[in-house]
C-alpha cells in the first residue's frame, strides 16, 4: 500500500484544482469555501496564501507568471505578485445559485470550466469553453461539473457530472475546440439508501491523466483514487487516509510526485477525529509520470 504524507500547511475546508507550475517549481491549489489560493514551494518549504473575495472554483497558469481564476463572480486574470484581479468575463449564470467549479486548459490554451448548481435540482450546471474572449456553453444538464482531463495526444477529453457517478469520454477536435462521439468511460455504483460509507466506493470528483494515458480520479466519500485505462479497465485502486479526496495532480521535476487535495468541510465530527489529515494536501511517489499542465492563453 502506498503511504501518503501531508504538506506541512494548515488544512483547507475544501481543497481543489491543484497543479504543478513548471516555471516556479511550485504547487498551487484552491480552497473553495475558504476563499483562498495557496502555493507551496517544496525546495524552500515556503507556503503562501492569497485571500479572495469570492469562491475560486479552479486556477490555471497563464504565461508571464499570471493565473486564470474561475470564481463565483466570473473569470479573472490574477497576478500573484500584486494580488490584483482583472475580470475577463462575467459569470454566465446567477451567482446566487451557481458558481464555477472544476476547470482546465486544453493543449491549445482554451479554458474548459464547468459549474455547480447548488440547489442540485433541476440539473442546470454546464460546461463552458473560454476562447477568443468568448465564454460559450458546450455541455449541459449537469449538477456538479467535474473530472476534466485530456489524453496525452489531446484527442480525448474526459468529463464527469459527479452525482451521476459516471465519467464520460469525448472525441476532442483540437483545431475547432469541439466535442463529439460521447462514450461512457466508467459507471460507478451509486450509494444505496442506508448504505454505510465504509461500503461505498464514492463518486467521481477531480481527475488527472498520466503519461501512459490512464485517467486518475478522486472518489469523493470513497476514500480512494482509481486509475482507469482509456478503454475503461480499472488498472489500480489507491486507498487514502481520508474519506473525501477531491483532485489528484502530478508534480515535481519528474512529474512523479502525486498530490491529492482533500476536504473536511461539513464532515461529521467523528470522521474528522478519526481522519486528522482531512483537508490536507496529500502526496506520495508513483512509478508513472504525469503530464505537464496546460497554460491558458
Protein backbone atom coordinates (compact mmCIF):
# COMPACT_ATOMS: atom_id res chain seq x y z
CA UNK A 1 0.00 0.00 0.00
CA UNK A 2 1.26 3.48 -0.84
CA UNK A 3 1.99 5.76 2.09
CA UNK A 4 0.66 9.30 1.81
CA UNK A 5 2.13 12.23 3.73
CA UNK A 6 0.59 15.69 4.13
CA UNK A 7 2.11 19.03 3.23
CA UNK A 8 3.03 20.93 6.42
CA UNK A 9 0.42 23.66 5.92
CA UNK A 10 -2.97 24.24 7.59
CA UNK A 11 -5.79 22.09 6.16
CA UNK A 12 -8.30 23.57 3.75
CA UNK A 13 -12.04 23.38 4.17
CA UNK A 14 -12.27 22.04 0.60
CA UNK A 15 -9.03 21.89 -1.34
CA UNK A 16 -9.35 21.74 -5.12
CA UNK A 17 -7.71 22.35 -8.50
CA UNK A 18 -4.07 21.51 -7.72
CA UNK A 19 -1.47 21.98 -10.45
CA UNK A 20 2.30 21.92 -10.62
CA UNK A 21 3.78 25.14 -12.04
CA UNK A 22 6.90 24.13 -14.00
CA UNK A 23 8.38 27.66 -14.14
CA UNK A 24 8.12 28.13 -10.37
CA UNK A 25 8.66 24.50 -9.27
CA UNK A 26 5.66 25.06 -7.01
CA UNK A 27 2.23 23.58 -6.33
CA UNK A 28 -0.89 25.77 -6.50
CA UNK A 29 -4.36 24.85 -5.25
CA UNK A 30 -7.65 26.48 -4.18
CA UNK A 31 -9.73 26.31 -1.02
CA UNK A 32 -13.21 26.91 -2.42
CA UNK A 33 -15.32 27.75 0.69
CA UNK A 34 -12.20 29.14 2.39
CA UNK A 35 -11.98 31.67 -0.47
CA UNK A 36 -8.25 31.32 -0.79
CA UNK A 37 -5.49 30.44 -3.24
CA UNK A 38 -2.44 28.55 -1.96
CA UNK A 39 1.12 27.94 -3.19
CA UNK A 40 3.72 25.53 -1.82
CA UNK A 41 7.35 25.66 -2.90
CA UNK A 42 8.94 22.34 -1.87
CA UNK A 43 12.57 23.39 -2.27
CA UNK A 44 12.22 26.30 0.17
CA UNK A 45 9.30 24.89 2.20
CA UNK A 46 7.58 28.24 1.64
CA UNK A 47 3.79 28.45 1.78
CA UNK A 48 1.82 31.47 0.64
CA UNK A 49 -1.90 32.17 0.78
CA UNK A 50 -3.96 34.78 -1.05
CA UNK A 51 -7.39 35.58 0.40
CA UNK A 52 -10.07 36.18 -2.23
CA UNK A 53 -13.45 37.98 -2.19
CA UNK A 54 -15.45 35.01 -3.58
CA UNK A 55 -15.02 31.27 -4.00
CA UNK A 56 -12.36 30.15 -6.51
CA UNK A 57 -13.54 27.04 -8.34
CA UNK A 58 -10.26 26.44 -10.13
CA UNK A 59 -6.96 28.04 -11.07
CA UNK A 60 -4.94 27.61 -14.27
CA UNK A 61 -1.49 29.02 -15.10
CA UNK A 62 -1.06 31.71 -17.75
CA UNK A 63 2.17 32.91 -19.37
CA UNK A 64 4.21 35.54 -17.57
CA UNK A 65 3.51 34.32 -14.05
CA UNK A 66 -0.20 35.14 -14.14
CA UNK A 67 -3.10 32.84 -13.27
CA UNK A 68 -6.61 32.43 -14.63
CA UNK A 69 -9.12 32.09 -11.79
CA UNK A 70 -12.68 30.90 -12.35
CA UNK A 71 -14.61 32.32 -9.40
CA UNK A 72 -18.24 32.72 -8.41
CA UNK A 73 -18.24 36.27 -9.78
CA UNK A 74 -16.59 35.46 -13.12
CA UNK A 75 -13.31 34.71 -14.86
CA UNK A 76 -10.30 36.72 -13.71
CA UNK A 77 -6.69 37.24 -14.66
CA UNK A 78 -4.83 37.16 -11.35
CA UNK A 79 -1.34 38.46 -10.61
CA UNK A 80 0.19 36.61 -7.63
CA UNK A 81 2.89 39.27 -7.31
CA UNK A 82 0.43 42.13 -6.72
CA UNK A 83 -2.68 40.18 -5.68
CA UNK A 84 -4.74 42.11 -8.24
CA UNK A 85 -7.66 40.62 -10.18
CA UNK A 86 -8.78 41.74 -13.64
CA UNK A 87 -12.16 40.42 -14.76
CA UNK A 88 -12.20 38.83 -18.20
CA UNK A 89 -15.80 37.60 -18.24
CA UNK A 90 -18.92 37.91 -16.15
CA UNK A 91 -20.50 34.67 -14.88
CA UNK A 92 -22.92 33.10 -17.39
CA UNK A 93 -25.28 32.14 -14.55
CA UNK A 94 -27.00 33.54 -11.47
CA UNK A 95 -24.20 33.62 -8.84
CA UNK A 96 -26.77 33.38 -6.06
CA UNK A 97 -27.35 29.72 -7.01
CA UNK A 98 -24.41 28.65 -9.15
CA UNK A 99 -20.64 29.03 -9.34
CA UNK A 100 -17.68 27.92 -11.38
CA UNK A 101 -16.15 24.61 -10.31
CA UNK A 102 -13.64 22.28 -11.97
CA UNK A 103 -11.67 23.62 -14.93
CA UNK A 104 -8.53 23.05 -17.02
CA UNK A 105 -6.92 24.44 -20.14
CA UNK A 106 -6.71 22.26 -23.24
CA UNK A 107 -3.39 21.80 -25.11
CA UNK A 108 -4.24 24.80 -27.31
CA UNK A 109 -4.73 27.09 -24.31
CA UNK A 110 -8.52 27.31 -24.25
CA UNK A 111 -10.06 27.11 -20.76
CA UNK A 112 -12.75 24.50 -20.19
CA UNK A 113 -14.64 25.16 -16.97
CA UNK A 114 -17.85 23.77 -15.54
CA UNK A 115 -20.26 24.91 -12.87
CA UNK A 116 -22.05 23.53 -9.84
CA UNK A 117 -25.76 24.19 -9.40
CA UNK A 118 -26.05 24.49 -5.64
CA UNK A 119 -29.80 23.71 -5.21
CA UNK A 120 -28.96 20.41 -7.00
CA UNK A 121 -32.29 20.31 -8.86
CA UNK A 122 -33.07 20.82 -11.64
CA UNK A 123 -29.80 19.90 -13.40
CA UNK A 124 -28.77 23.38 -14.54
CA UNK A 125 -24.97 23.19 -14.36
CA UNK A 126 -22.98 23.28 -17.59
CA UNK A 127 -19.52 23.09 -19.14
CA UNK A 128 -18.16 26.20 -20.85
CA UNK A 129 -15.26 26.94 -23.19
CA UNK A 130 -13.33 30.21 -22.88
CA UNK A 131 -11.60 31.10 -26.15
CA UNK A 132 -11.10 34.24 -28.19
CA UNK A 133 -12.58 36.34 -25.40
CA UNK A 134 -15.85 34.41 -25.53
CA UNK A 135 -17.39 32.11 -22.92
CA UNK A 136 -19.54 29.53 -24.73
CA UNK A 137 -21.68 26.71 -23.33
CA UNK A 138 -20.60 23.28 -24.60
CA UNK A 139 -22.41 20.69 -22.46
CA UNK A 140 -25.32 20.99 -20.03
CA UNK A 141 -27.99 19.27 -17.94
CA UNK A 142 -25.46 18.60 -15.18
CA UNK A 143 -25.42 19.22 -11.43
CA UNK A 144 -21.71 19.20 -10.49
CA UNK A 145 -19.31 19.52 -13.42
CA UNK A 146 -16.07 17.69 -12.59
CA UNK A 147 -13.36 15.31 -13.79
CA UNK A 148 -11.92 17.40 -16.63
CA UNK A 149 -8.76 15.99 -18.19
CA UNK A 150 -7.19 15.49 -21.61
CA UNK A 151 -5.43 12.46 -23.10
CA UNK A 152 -1.70 12.72 -23.88
CA UNK A 153 -2.38 13.12 -27.61
CA UNK A 154 -5.08 15.74 -26.97
CA UNK A 155 -7.65 13.72 -28.92
CA UNK A 156 -9.88 12.81 -25.94
CA UNK A 157 -11.48 14.94 -23.25
CA UNK A 158 -12.87 13.41 -20.06
CA UNK A 159 -15.73 14.93 -18.08
CA UNK A 160 -17.97 13.85 -15.21
CA UNK A 161 -21.21 15.01 -13.63
CA UNK A 162 -20.43 13.85 -10.10
CA UNK A 163 -23.94 12.83 -8.85
CA UNK A 164 -24.42 10.51 -11.85
CA UNK A 165 -21.32 8.50 -10.75
CA UNK A 166 -20.37 8.47 -14.45
CA UNK A 167 -17.20 9.54 -16.29
CA UNK A 168 -17.62 10.36 -19.96
CA UNK A 169 -15.02 10.47 -22.74
CA UNK A 170 -15.41 12.68 -25.82
CA UNK A 171 -13.55 12.87 -29.10
CA UNK A 172 -11.80 16.24 -28.99
CA UNK A 173 -11.19 18.23 -32.18
CA UNK A 174 -8.09 20.25 -31.28
CA UNK A 175 -8.35 22.67 -34.17
CA UNK A 176 -12.01 23.54 -33.65
CA UNK A 177 -12.14 23.01 -29.90
CA UNK A 178 -15.28 20.89 -30.20
CA UNK A 179 -16.55 17.63 -28.69
CA UNK A 180 -18.19 14.61 -30.34
CA UNK A 181 -18.73 10.85 -30.03
CA UNK A 182 -19.52 10.67 -26.31
CA UNK A 183 -18.95 7.33 -24.59
CA UNK A 184 -19.05 6.12 -21.00
CA UNK A 185 -15.52 5.56 -19.69
CA UNK A 186 -16.70 4.32 -16.28
CA UNK A 187 -20.00 3.97 -14.46
CA UNK A 188 -19.51 3.72 -10.71
CA UNK A 189 -22.09 2.23 -8.36
CA UNK A 190 -24.26 4.88 -6.65
CA UNK A 191 -24.71 4.77 -2.90
CA UNK A 192 -27.80 2.83 -1.92
CA UNK A 193 -30.28 4.10 0.65
CA UNK A 194 -28.91 3.44 4.10
CA UNK A 195 -25.58 2.15 2.78
CA UNK A 196 -22.62 2.74 5.08
CA UNK A 197 -19.84 4.98 3.82
CA UNK A 198 -17.45 2.17 4.69
CA UNK A 199 -19.06 0.09 1.92
CA UNK A 200 -19.43 2.94 -0.59
CA UNK A 201 -16.88 3.45 -3.34
CA UNK A 202 -17.50 7.16 -3.72
CA UNK A 203 -18.39 9.36 -6.68
CA UNK A 204 -16.04 10.87 -9.27
CA UNK A 205 -14.62 14.28 -8.44
CA UNK A 206 -11.46 15.84 -9.92
CA UNK A 207 -9.07 13.94 -12.16
CA UNK A 208 -5.73 13.88 -13.96
CA UNK A 209 -4.18 11.84 -16.78
CA UNK A 210 -0.71 10.29 -16.66
CA UNK A 211 1.89 9.90 -19.42
CA UNK A 212 0.58 6.41 -20.26
CA UNK A 213 -2.90 7.83 -20.87
CA UNK A 214 -4.50 6.46 -17.70
CA UNK A 215 -7.19 8.54 -16.01
CA UNK A 216 -6.77 9.04 -12.24
CA UNK A 217 -9.99 10.09 -10.49
CA UNK A 218 -10.57 11.11 -6.88
CA UNK A 219 -13.61 9.32 -5.45
CA UNK A 220 -15.34 11.72 -3.06
CA UNK A 221 -16.51 9.89 0.08
CA UNK A 222 -14.90 6.72 -1.29
CA UNK A 223 -11.51 7.17 0.42
CA UNK A 224 -9.64 6.17 -2.74
CA UNK A 225 -8.18 7.10 -6.09
CA UNK A 226 -8.98 4.94 -9.12
CA UNK A 227 -6.65 4.66 -12.13
CA UNK A 228 -8.54 3.76 -15.31
CA UNK A 229 -7.23 2.79 -18.76
CA UNK A 230 -8.58 4.62 -21.85
CA UNK A 231 -10.73 1.55 -22.59
CA UNK A 232 -12.38 1.68 -19.15
CA UNK A 233 -10.37 -1.08 -17.47
CA UNK A 234 -9.59 -0.41 -13.80
CA UNK A 235 -5.81 -0.58 -13.51
CA UNK A 236 -5.26 0.37 -9.89
CA UNK A 237 -7.10 1.43 -6.74
CA UNK A 238 -5.17 3.54 -4.23
CA UNK A 239 -6.62 3.65 -0.69
CA UNK A 240 -6.35 7.03 1.03
CA UNK A 241 -6.19 8.05 4.70
CA UNK A 242 -9.13 10.46 4.27
CA UNK A 243 -12.74 9.96 3.22
CA UNK A 244 -13.04 12.87 0.79
CA UNK A 245 -10.40 13.29 -1.89
CA UNK A 246 -11.16 16.00 -4.43
CA UNK A 247 -8.47 16.01 -7.14
CA UNK A 248 -5.07 14.49 -8.00
CA UNK A 249 -2.24 16.09 -9.95
CA UNK A 250 1.37 15.23 -10.77
CA UNK A 251 4.30 17.39 -9.75
CA UNK A 252 7.99 17.59 -9.05
CA UNK A 253 10.70 17.91 -11.68
CA UNK A 254 9.94 14.40 -12.97
CA UNK A 255 6.15 14.69 -12.55
CA UNK A 256 6.19 11.54 -10.41
CA UNK A 257 5.01 13.13 -7.17
CA UNK A 258 1.29 12.54 -6.86
CA UNK A 259 -0.52 15.33 -4.99
CA UNK A 260 -4.13 14.94 -3.83
CA UNK A 261 -6.34 17.71 -2.44
CA UNK A 262 -8.95 16.73 0.14
CA UNK A 263 -11.92 18.15 2.04
CA UNK A 264 -13.09 18.49 5.64
CA UNK A 265 -15.92 20.99 5.16
CA UNK A 266 -19.25 19.81 6.62
CA UNK A 267 -17.86 16.38 7.51
CA UNK A 268 -19.07 14.58 10.69
CA UNK A 269 -17.09 15.23 13.86
CA UNK A 270 -16.33 11.54 14.42
CA UNK A 271 -14.95 11.23 10.88
CA UNK A 272 -12.68 14.25 11.35
CA UNK A 273 -11.46 12.90 14.68
CA UNK A 274 -10.55 9.60 13.04
CA UNK A 275 -9.02 11.23 9.96
CA UNK A 276 -6.85 14.17 11.06
CA UNK A 277 -5.42 14.63 7.56
CA UNK A 278 -8.83 15.60 6.13
CA UNK A 279 -8.45 18.90 4.27
CA UNK A 280 -4.70 18.46 3.85
CA UNK A 281 -2.82 18.14 0.56
CA UNK A 282 -1.51 14.57 0.45
CA UNK A 283 1.48 13.41 -1.55
CA UNK A 284 3.34 10.23 -2.47
CA UNK A 285 5.68 8.98 -5.19
CA UNK A 286 4.39 6.98 -8.17
CA UNK A 287 6.03 4.92 -10.91
CA UNK A 288 4.33 6.55 -13.90
CA UNK A 289 4.87 10.26 -14.54
CA UNK A 290 2.02 12.66 -15.12
CA UNK A 291 1.57 15.19 -17.90
CA UNK A 292 2.71 18.83 -17.67
CA UNK A 293 -0.05 21.34 -17.02
CA UNK A 294 -1.52 23.21 -19.99
CA UNK A 295 -1.29 27.00 -19.80
CA UNK A 296 -4.34 29.13 -20.61
CA UNK A 297 -3.61 31.66 -23.35
